[in-house]
N, C-alpha and C. Protein backbone atom coordinates (compact mmCIF):
# COMPACT_ATOMS: atom_id res chain seq x y z
N MET A 1 77.20 181.09 129.08
CA MET A 1 75.83 181.36 128.69
C MET A 1 75.02 180.06 128.73
N VAL A 2 73.85 180.13 129.30
CA VAL A 2 72.98 178.96 129.45
C VAL A 2 72.23 178.71 128.15
N ASN A 3 72.16 177.44 127.74
CA ASN A 3 71.37 177.11 126.55
C ASN A 3 70.41 175.97 126.86
N HIS A 4 69.70 175.51 125.84
CA HIS A 4 68.67 174.50 126.09
C HIS A 4 69.25 173.16 126.54
N LYS A 5 70.50 172.87 126.21
CA LYS A 5 71.13 171.62 126.66
C LYS A 5 71.32 171.63 128.18
N ASN A 6 71.66 172.80 128.72
CA ASN A 6 71.79 172.90 130.18
C ASN A 6 70.45 172.66 130.86
N ILE A 7 69.41 173.26 130.31
CA ILE A 7 68.06 173.08 130.87
C ILE A 7 67.65 171.62 130.76
N GLU A 8 67.93 171.02 129.61
CA GLU A 8 67.57 169.62 129.38
C GLU A 8 68.25 168.71 130.41
N SER A 9 69.53 168.91 130.65
CA SER A 9 70.23 168.07 131.64
C SER A 9 69.70 168.33 133.06
N ALA A 10 69.34 169.58 133.37
CA ALA A 10 68.78 169.89 134.69
C ALA A 10 67.40 169.23 134.84
N LEU A 11 66.61 169.22 133.77
CA LEU A 11 65.31 168.55 133.81
C LEU A 11 65.48 167.05 134.03
N VAL A 12 66.44 166.46 133.34
CA VAL A 12 66.70 165.03 133.50
C VAL A 12 67.10 164.74 134.95
N GLU A 13 67.91 165.59 135.52
CA GLU A 13 68.32 165.42 136.92
C GLU A 13 67.12 165.48 137.86
N VAL A 14 66.23 166.46 137.65
CA VAL A 14 65.02 166.55 138.48
C VAL A 14 64.18 165.29 138.34
N ILE A 15 64.04 164.79 137.13
CA ILE A 15 63.24 163.57 136.88
C ILE A 15 63.85 162.37 137.61
N LYS A 16 65.17 162.21 137.47
CA LYS A 16 65.84 161.08 138.12
C LYS A 16 65.68 161.13 139.64
N VAL A 17 65.90 162.31 140.21
CA VAL A 17 65.81 162.46 141.65
C VAL A 17 64.37 162.23 142.12
N ALA A 18 63.40 162.77 141.37
CA ALA A 18 62.00 162.62 141.77
C ALA A 18 61.58 161.15 141.74
N TYR A 19 61.91 160.44 140.68
CA TYR A 19 61.53 159.03 140.59
C TYR A 19 62.29 158.16 141.58
N SER A 20 63.49 158.58 141.98
CA SER A 20 64.26 157.76 142.93
C SER A 20 63.66 157.80 144.33
N GLN A 21 62.77 158.76 144.60
CA GLN A 21 62.17 158.88 145.93
C GLN A 21 61.16 157.78 146.22
N GLY A 22 60.49 157.29 145.17
CA GLY A 22 59.61 156.13 145.30
C GLY A 22 58.24 156.37 145.90
N THR A 23 57.81 157.61 146.03
CA THR A 23 56.46 157.85 146.55
C THR A 23 55.59 158.45 145.45
N LYS A 24 54.30 158.36 145.67
CA LYS A 24 53.34 158.85 144.68
C LYS A 24 53.53 160.35 144.41
N LYS A 25 53.77 161.10 145.46
CA LYS A 25 53.96 162.55 145.34
C LYS A 25 55.12 162.86 144.39
N TYR A 26 56.22 162.17 144.57
CA TYR A 26 57.40 162.43 143.75
C TYR A 26 57.27 161.84 142.36
N ASN A 27 56.51 160.75 142.23
CA ASN A 27 56.26 160.19 140.89
C ASN A 27 55.46 161.18 140.04
N LYS A 28 54.49 161.87 140.66
CA LYS A 28 53.72 162.89 139.93
C LYS A 28 54.63 164.04 139.51
N LEU A 29 55.52 164.44 140.41
CA LEU A 29 56.48 165.51 140.08
C LEU A 29 57.36 165.07 138.92
N GLY A 30 57.84 163.84 138.97
CA GLY A 30 58.67 163.31 137.88
C GLY A 30 57.92 163.30 136.56
N ALA A 31 56.67 162.86 136.58
CA ALA A 31 55.86 162.82 135.35
C ALA A 31 55.65 164.23 134.79
N LEU A 32 55.45 165.19 135.67
CA LEU A 32 55.27 166.57 135.24
C LEU A 32 56.51 167.08 134.52
N TYR A 33 57.68 166.80 135.09
CA TYR A 33 58.92 167.27 134.46
C TYR A 33 59.28 166.46 133.22
N VAL A 34 58.82 165.21 133.13
CA VAL A 34 58.98 164.44 131.89
C VAL A 34 58.22 165.14 130.76
N ASN A 35 57.00 165.60 131.06
CA ASN A 35 56.22 166.33 130.05
C ASN A 35 56.93 167.62 129.63
N TYR A 36 57.52 168.32 130.59
CA TYR A 36 58.27 169.54 130.25
C TYR A 36 59.44 169.20 129.31
N LEU A 37 60.13 168.09 129.62
CA LEU A 37 61.26 167.67 128.80
C LEU A 37 60.82 167.29 127.39
N LYS A 38 59.73 166.53 127.29
CA LYS A 38 59.22 166.13 125.97
C LYS A 38 58.84 167.36 125.15
N THR A 39 58.20 168.32 125.79
CA THR A 39 57.81 169.55 125.09
C THR A 39 59.03 170.27 124.57
N LEU A 40 60.06 170.37 125.39
CA LEU A 40 61.30 171.04 124.98
C LEU A 40 61.92 170.32 123.80
N GLN A 41 61.94 169.00 123.82
CA GLN A 41 62.56 168.24 122.74
C GLN A 41 61.78 168.30 121.44
N ARG A 42 60.47 168.54 121.52
CA ARG A 42 59.64 168.63 120.31
C ARG A 42 59.74 169.98 119.62
N LYS A 43 60.17 170.99 120.32
CA LYS A 43 60.15 172.34 119.77
C LYS A 43 61.14 172.50 118.64
N ARG A 44 60.73 173.25 117.63
CA ARG A 44 61.60 173.54 116.49
C ARG A 44 62.76 174.44 116.91
N ASP A 45 62.47 175.41 117.78
CA ASP A 45 63.50 176.32 118.27
C ASP A 45 63.55 176.22 119.80
N PRO A 46 64.33 175.27 120.32
CA PRO A 46 64.34 175.07 121.77
C PRO A 46 64.88 176.27 122.55
N GLU A 47 65.79 177.02 121.96
CA GLU A 47 66.33 178.20 122.65
C GLU A 47 65.23 179.23 122.91
N ASP A 48 64.41 179.45 121.92
CA ASP A 48 63.30 180.39 122.08
C ASP A 48 62.31 179.86 123.12
N HIS A 49 62.07 178.57 123.10
CA HIS A 49 61.14 177.97 124.05
C HIS A 49 61.63 178.11 125.49
N ILE A 50 62.93 177.84 125.72
CA ILE A 50 63.41 177.94 127.11
C ILE A 50 63.42 179.39 127.58
N ARG A 51 63.63 180.32 126.66
CA ARG A 51 63.55 181.74 127.04
C ARG A 51 62.13 182.08 127.50
N TYR A 52 61.14 181.58 126.76
CA TYR A 52 59.74 181.80 127.12
C TYR A 52 59.42 181.18 128.47
N VAL A 53 59.81 179.90 128.64
CA VAL A 53 59.53 179.19 129.89
C VAL A 53 60.23 179.86 131.06
N ALA A 54 61.47 180.26 130.86
CA ALA A 54 62.23 180.92 131.93
C ALA A 54 61.54 182.20 132.38
N LYS A 55 61.02 182.96 131.43
CA LYS A 55 60.33 184.21 131.79
C LYS A 55 59.01 183.93 132.49
N GLN A 56 58.43 182.75 132.28
CA GLN A 56 57.20 182.37 132.97
C GLN A 56 57.48 181.88 134.39
N ARG A 57 58.52 181.05 134.54
CA ARG A 57 58.78 180.39 135.82
C ARG A 57 59.62 181.23 136.78
N ALA A 58 60.57 181.99 136.25
CA ALA A 58 61.44 182.80 137.12
C ALA A 58 61.75 184.13 136.45
N PRO A 59 60.73 184.98 136.29
CA PRO A 59 60.95 186.23 135.55
C PRO A 59 61.87 187.22 136.28
N ASN A 60 61.91 187.12 137.61
CA ASN A 60 62.76 188.04 138.37
C ASN A 60 63.21 187.36 139.67
N GLU A 61 64.07 188.03 140.39
CA GLU A 61 64.65 187.49 141.62
C GLU A 61 63.56 187.22 142.67
N GLU A 62 62.59 188.10 142.76
CA GLU A 62 61.53 187.95 143.77
C GLU A 62 60.71 186.68 143.54
N THR A 63 60.27 186.47 142.31
CA THR A 63 59.49 185.27 141.97
C THR A 63 60.34 184.01 142.20
N TYR A 64 61.59 184.09 141.80
CA TYR A 64 62.51 182.97 142.00
C TYR A 64 62.58 182.60 143.48
N ASN A 65 62.78 183.59 144.33
CA ASN A 65 62.91 183.35 145.78
C ASN A 65 61.62 182.76 146.36
N GLU A 66 60.46 183.25 145.90
CA GLU A 66 59.19 182.69 146.37
C GLU A 66 59.05 181.22 146.00
N ARG A 67 59.37 180.89 144.76
CA ARG A 67 59.26 179.49 144.31
C ARG A 67 60.22 178.59 145.06
N ILE A 68 61.44 179.06 145.23
CA ILE A 68 62.44 178.25 145.92
C ILE A 68 62.02 178.03 147.38
N ALA A 69 61.45 179.05 148.02
CA ALA A 69 60.97 178.90 149.40
C ALA A 69 59.84 177.86 149.45
N ASP A 70 58.94 177.91 148.46
CA ASP A 70 57.86 176.91 148.40
C ASP A 70 58.44 175.50 148.21
N PHE A 71 59.41 175.37 147.31
CA PHE A 71 60.01 174.06 147.07
C PHE A 71 60.66 173.52 148.34
N LYS A 72 61.29 174.41 149.09
CA LYS A 72 61.96 173.98 150.33
C LYS A 72 60.93 173.42 151.33
N ASP A 73 59.74 174.04 151.35
CA ASP A 73 58.68 173.56 152.24
C ASP A 73 58.05 172.26 151.74
N TRP A 74 57.90 172.11 150.44
CA TRP A 74 57.16 171.00 149.87
C TRP A 74 57.97 169.71 149.71
N TYR A 75 59.25 169.84 149.36
CA TYR A 75 60.02 168.67 148.95
C TYR A 75 61.20 168.42 149.89
N ASN A 76 61.72 167.20 149.82
CA ASN A 76 62.89 166.87 150.64
C ASN A 76 64.15 167.53 150.06
N GLU A 77 65.26 167.41 150.78
CA GLU A 77 66.49 168.15 150.42
C GLU A 77 67.03 167.79 149.04
N GLU A 78 66.99 166.51 148.70
CA GLU A 78 67.54 166.07 147.41
C GLU A 78 66.74 166.64 146.23
N VAL A 79 65.43 166.56 146.32
CA VAL A 79 64.57 167.09 145.25
C VAL A 79 64.68 168.61 145.21
N TYR A 80 64.70 169.22 146.39
CA TYR A 80 64.83 170.68 146.47
C TYR A 80 66.11 171.16 145.78
N THR A 81 67.21 170.47 145.99
CA THR A 81 68.50 170.87 145.39
C THR A 81 68.43 170.79 143.87
N SER A 82 67.83 169.73 143.33
CA SER A 82 67.74 169.60 141.86
C SER A 82 66.83 170.67 141.27
N LEU A 83 65.73 170.97 141.97
CA LEU A 83 64.82 172.03 141.49
C LEU A 83 65.48 173.40 141.59
N GLU A 84 66.24 173.62 142.64
CA GLU A 84 66.93 174.89 142.81
C GLU A 84 67.93 175.11 141.67
N LYS A 85 68.65 174.06 141.29
CA LYS A 85 69.61 174.15 140.18
C LYS A 85 68.88 174.52 138.88
N LEU A 86 67.75 173.86 138.62
CA LEU A 86 66.96 174.14 137.42
C LEU A 86 66.47 175.58 137.41
N TYR A 87 65.93 176.02 138.53
CA TYR A 87 65.35 177.37 138.57
C TYR A 87 66.42 178.46 138.57
N LYS A 88 67.64 178.14 139.02
CA LYS A 88 68.74 179.10 138.88
C LYS A 88 69.05 179.31 137.40
N LEU A 89 69.03 178.21 136.64
CA LEU A 89 69.24 178.32 135.19
C LEU A 89 68.13 179.14 134.55
N TYR A 90 66.88 178.88 134.97
CA TYR A 90 65.76 179.66 134.43
C TYR A 90 65.94 181.15 134.73
N LEU A 91 66.34 181.48 135.95
CA LEU A 91 66.54 182.87 136.32
C LEU A 91 67.65 183.51 135.49
N GLU A 92 68.72 182.76 135.31
CA GLU A 92 69.84 183.27 134.51
C GLU A 92 69.40 183.54 133.06
N ILE A 93 68.62 182.63 132.50
CA ILE A 93 68.13 182.83 131.13
C ILE A 93 67.19 184.02 131.06
N ALA A 94 66.30 184.14 132.03
CA ALA A 94 65.34 185.25 132.03
C ALA A 94 66.05 186.60 132.13
N ASN A 95 67.20 186.62 132.79
CA ASN A 95 67.94 187.88 132.95
C ASN A 95 68.90 188.17 131.81
N GLN A 96 69.10 187.20 130.91
CA GLN A 96 69.98 187.44 129.76
C GLN A 96 69.34 188.43 128.80
N GLU A 97 70.19 189.23 128.20
CA GLU A 97 69.71 190.15 127.17
C GLU A 97 69.52 189.37 125.88
N GLU A 98 68.41 189.62 125.22
CA GLU A 98 68.19 189.00 123.92
C GLU A 98 69.05 189.69 122.89
N LYS A 99 69.72 188.87 122.09
CA LYS A 99 70.54 189.44 121.03
C LYS A 99 69.64 189.82 119.86
N VAL A 100 69.77 191.04 119.43
CA VAL A 100 69.01 191.51 118.28
C VAL A 100 70.00 191.79 117.17
N GLU A 101 69.85 191.04 116.11
CA GLU A 101 70.73 191.22 114.96
C GLU A 101 69.99 191.99 113.89
N LYS A 102 70.53 193.15 113.56
CA LYS A 102 69.90 193.92 112.48
C LYS A 102 70.37 193.36 111.15
N ARG A 103 69.45 193.36 110.21
CA ARG A 103 69.76 192.84 108.88
C ARG A 103 69.86 193.98 107.89
N THR A 104 70.66 193.75 106.88
CA THR A 104 70.79 194.75 105.82
C THR A 104 69.60 194.63 104.89
N LYS A 105 69.44 195.63 104.07
CA LYS A 105 68.32 195.63 103.11
C LYS A 105 68.43 194.45 102.16
N SER A 106 69.63 194.12 101.73
CA SER A 106 69.80 193.00 100.80
C SER A 106 69.46 191.67 101.47
N GLU A 107 69.78 191.51 102.76
CA GLU A 107 69.42 190.29 103.48
C GLU A 107 67.90 190.16 103.60
N VAL A 108 67.24 191.27 103.89
CA VAL A 108 65.78 191.26 103.99
C VAL A 108 65.17 190.92 102.63
N ASP A 109 65.73 191.51 101.56
CA ASP A 109 65.24 191.19 100.22
C ASP A 109 65.40 189.71 99.89
N GLU A 110 66.55 189.12 100.30
CA GLU A 110 66.77 187.70 100.08
C GLU A 110 65.73 186.86 100.81
N ILE A 111 65.48 187.21 102.06
CA ILE A 111 64.49 186.47 102.85
C ILE A 111 63.12 186.56 102.21
N LEU A 112 62.74 187.77 101.80
CA LEU A 112 61.44 187.95 101.16
C LEU A 112 61.34 187.18 99.85
N GLN A 113 62.43 187.13 99.10
CA GLN A 113 62.44 186.39 97.84
C GLN A 113 62.25 184.90 98.09
N LYS A 114 62.91 184.38 99.12
CA LYS A 114 62.75 182.96 99.46
C LYS A 114 61.31 182.66 99.87
N ILE A 115 60.73 183.55 100.65
CA ILE A 115 59.33 183.37 101.06
C ILE A 115 58.42 183.39 99.84
N HIS A 116 58.67 184.34 98.96
CA HIS A 116 57.87 184.45 97.73
C HIS A 116 57.99 183.19 96.89
N ASP A 117 59.22 182.69 96.73
CA ASP A 117 59.44 181.50 95.92
C ASP A 117 58.72 180.29 96.51
N ARG A 118 58.79 180.13 97.83
CA ARG A 118 58.11 179.01 98.47
C ARG A 118 56.59 179.12 98.29
N LEU A 119 56.08 180.34 98.45
CA LEU A 119 54.63 180.52 98.28
C LEU A 119 54.21 180.25 96.84
N TYR A 120 55.03 180.71 95.88
CA TYR A 120 54.70 180.49 94.48
C TYR A 120 54.72 179.00 94.15
N GLU A 121 55.72 178.28 94.69
CA GLU A 121 55.78 176.82 94.46
C GLU A 121 54.54 176.14 95.03
N ARG A 122 54.14 176.54 96.23
CA ARG A 122 52.95 175.95 96.84
C ARG A 122 51.71 176.29 96.03
N TYR A 123 51.63 177.53 95.52
CA TYR A 123 50.50 177.93 94.70
C TYR A 123 50.44 177.08 93.43
N GLU A 124 51.59 176.91 92.77
CA GLU A 124 51.63 176.11 91.54
C GLU A 124 51.19 174.67 91.81
N LYS A 125 51.67 174.11 92.90
CA LYS A 125 51.29 172.74 93.27
C LYS A 125 49.78 172.66 93.50
N TRP A 126 49.24 173.63 94.23
CA TRP A 126 47.80 173.65 94.50
C TRP A 126 47.02 173.80 93.20
N LYS A 127 47.50 174.70 92.31
CA LYS A 127 46.80 174.95 91.05
C LYS A 127 46.77 173.68 90.19
N ASN A 128 47.90 172.98 90.10
CA ASN A 128 47.96 171.75 89.31
C ASN A 128 47.06 170.66 89.90
N LYS A 129 47.06 170.56 91.22
CA LYS A 129 46.22 169.56 91.88
C LYS A 129 44.74 169.87 91.62
N THR A 130 44.37 171.13 91.76
CA THR A 130 42.99 171.54 91.54
C THR A 130 42.59 171.30 90.08
N HIS A 131 43.49 171.61 89.15
CA HIS A 131 43.20 171.41 87.73
C HIS A 131 42.98 169.92 87.45
N ALA A 132 43.83 169.05 88.03
CA ALA A 132 43.69 167.61 87.82
C ALA A 132 42.37 167.11 88.39
N GLU A 133 41.99 167.61 89.56
CA GLU A 133 40.72 167.20 90.16
C GLU A 133 39.55 167.65 89.28
N HIS A 134 39.63 168.86 88.75
CA HIS A 134 38.57 169.38 87.88
C HIS A 134 38.46 168.52 86.62
N GLN A 135 39.60 168.17 86.03
CA GLN A 135 39.59 167.33 84.84
C GLN A 135 38.97 165.96 85.14
N ASN A 136 39.29 165.42 86.29
CA ASN A 136 38.74 164.13 86.69
C ASN A 136 37.22 164.22 86.81
N ILE A 137 36.73 165.29 87.39
CA ILE A 137 35.29 165.49 87.52
C ILE A 137 34.64 165.59 86.15
N LEU A 138 35.26 166.34 85.24
CA LEU A 138 34.72 166.46 83.88
C LEU A 138 34.68 165.10 83.19
N ASN A 139 35.73 164.31 83.33
CA ASN A 139 35.77 162.98 82.71
C ASN A 139 34.67 162.08 83.28
N LEU A 140 34.49 162.12 84.58
CA LEU A 140 33.44 161.31 85.20
C LEU A 140 32.05 161.76 84.75
N ASN A 141 31.84 163.07 84.64
CA ASN A 141 30.55 163.58 84.15
C ASN A 141 30.30 163.12 82.71
N GLN A 142 31.35 163.13 81.91
CA GLN A 142 31.21 162.69 80.52
C GLN A 142 30.84 161.19 80.47
N GLN A 143 31.47 160.41 81.31
CA GLN A 143 31.13 158.98 81.35
C GLN A 143 29.69 158.76 81.80
N ILE A 144 29.23 159.57 82.73
CA ILE A 144 27.84 159.46 83.19
C ILE A 144 26.88 159.79 82.05
N LEU A 145 27.20 160.85 81.29
CA LEU A 145 26.35 161.20 80.14
C LEU A 145 26.31 160.08 79.10
N VAL A 146 27.44 159.46 78.83
CA VAL A 146 27.48 158.37 77.87
C VAL A 146 26.59 157.22 78.35
N LEU A 147 26.66 156.92 79.62
CA LEU A 147 25.83 155.84 80.16
C LEU A 147 24.35 156.19 80.11
N HIS A 148 24.02 157.47 80.33
CA HIS A 148 22.61 157.88 80.24
C HIS A 148 22.10 157.78 78.81
N ASN A 149 22.91 158.15 77.85
CA ASN A 149 22.48 158.14 76.45
C ASN A 149 22.52 156.75 75.82
N ASN A 150 23.32 155.86 76.36
CA ASN A 150 23.43 154.49 75.84
C ASN A 150 23.17 153.51 76.97
N PRO A 151 21.91 153.31 77.32
CA PRO A 151 21.63 152.42 78.45
C PRO A 151 22.05 150.99 78.13
N LEU A 152 22.44 150.27 79.16
CA LEU A 152 22.82 148.88 78.98
C LEU A 152 21.59 148.06 78.61
N LEU A 153 21.84 146.98 77.92
CA LEU A 153 20.76 146.08 77.55
C LEU A 153 20.36 145.28 78.77
N ASN A 154 19.35 144.47 78.60
CA ASN A 154 18.93 143.58 79.67
C ASN A 154 20.14 142.77 80.12
N MET A 155 20.33 142.61 81.42
CA MET A 155 21.52 141.96 81.93
C MET A 155 21.62 140.52 81.43
N ALA A 156 20.49 139.86 81.22
CA ALA A 156 20.53 138.48 80.69
C ALA A 156 21.08 138.50 79.27
N ASP A 157 20.71 139.51 78.49
CA ASP A 157 21.20 139.61 77.12
C ASP A 157 22.67 140.00 77.09
N VAL A 158 23.10 140.79 78.05
CA VAL A 158 24.49 141.24 78.08
C VAL A 158 25.42 140.05 78.26
N ARG A 159 25.01 139.05 79.05
CA ARG A 159 25.85 137.87 79.25
C ARG A 159 26.01 137.07 77.97
N CYS A 160 25.03 137.14 77.10
CA CYS A 160 25.06 136.38 75.86
C CYS A 160 25.80 137.09 74.74
N LEU A 161 26.04 138.38 74.85
CA LEU A 161 26.66 139.16 73.78
C LEU A 161 27.99 138.57 73.30
N PRO A 162 28.92 138.19 74.16
CA PRO A 162 30.18 137.64 73.63
C PRO A 162 29.96 136.38 72.80
N VAL A 163 29.03 135.55 73.21
CA VAL A 163 28.76 134.32 72.46
C VAL A 163 28.14 134.66 71.11
N LEU A 164 27.21 135.61 71.08
CA LEU A 164 26.58 136.01 69.83
C LEU A 164 27.59 136.61 68.86
N LYS A 165 28.53 137.40 69.40
CA LYS A 165 29.56 138.00 68.53
C LYS A 165 30.42 136.92 67.88
N LEU A 166 30.71 135.86 68.61
CA LEU A 166 31.51 134.77 68.06
C LEU A 166 30.72 133.98 67.01
N MET A 167 29.43 133.83 67.25
CA MET A 167 28.60 133.02 66.36
C MET A 167 28.11 133.80 65.13
N ALA A 168 28.07 135.10 65.18
CA ALA A 168 27.53 135.91 64.10
C ALA A 168 28.17 135.63 62.75
N PRO A 169 29.50 135.59 62.65
CA PRO A 169 30.10 135.31 61.33
C PRO A 169 29.69 133.90 60.80
N ALA A 170 29.59 132.94 61.68
CA ALA A 170 29.21 131.59 61.25
C ALA A 170 27.76 131.57 60.79
N LEU A 171 26.88 132.28 61.47
CA LEU A 171 25.47 132.32 61.09
C LEU A 171 25.25 133.10 59.81
N ALA A 172 26.10 134.05 59.55
CA ALA A 172 25.95 134.87 58.35
C ALA A 172 26.19 134.05 57.05
N LYS A 173 26.94 132.98 57.17
CA LYS A 173 27.21 132.14 55.99
C LYS A 173 25.97 131.38 55.54
N PHE A 174 25.02 131.11 56.43
CA PHE A 174 23.83 130.34 56.09
C PHE A 174 22.82 131.19 55.47
């Protein structure tokens, strides 16, 4: 059975062969297949991704034969052979039956419970964050009100306040 590792190694082979040709045409082909490889490696479920790609590139024998005939016309023998190997894998994957596993009611209930728990945790986190933000806004509004009701003194006088506080007890004795 073909899996994403087989596709990955076939892609690497196409890239190596394309870049080894040394012409602009083959360098573009190599870059294109590098992007395909990067996309495959980024996917969370590479098996699902290659099934999708295989159904796009070689959904049936007729499409496969058309593409291979085009490749034979466009590319030299070495590149053609590597592409043919890759597209044979794609055709094989496209023709594989998808395995459908039925789940029991208890398994479905477990899955739903896990989803519910994750959603509830996310809700609680969001609620706490929102509450903290609301409290912060209330505190800032309260500070603004205090400043409005108790305006600062003249800035020149404010600089002198610490000195006056120190001198006040001494002046009170006189």
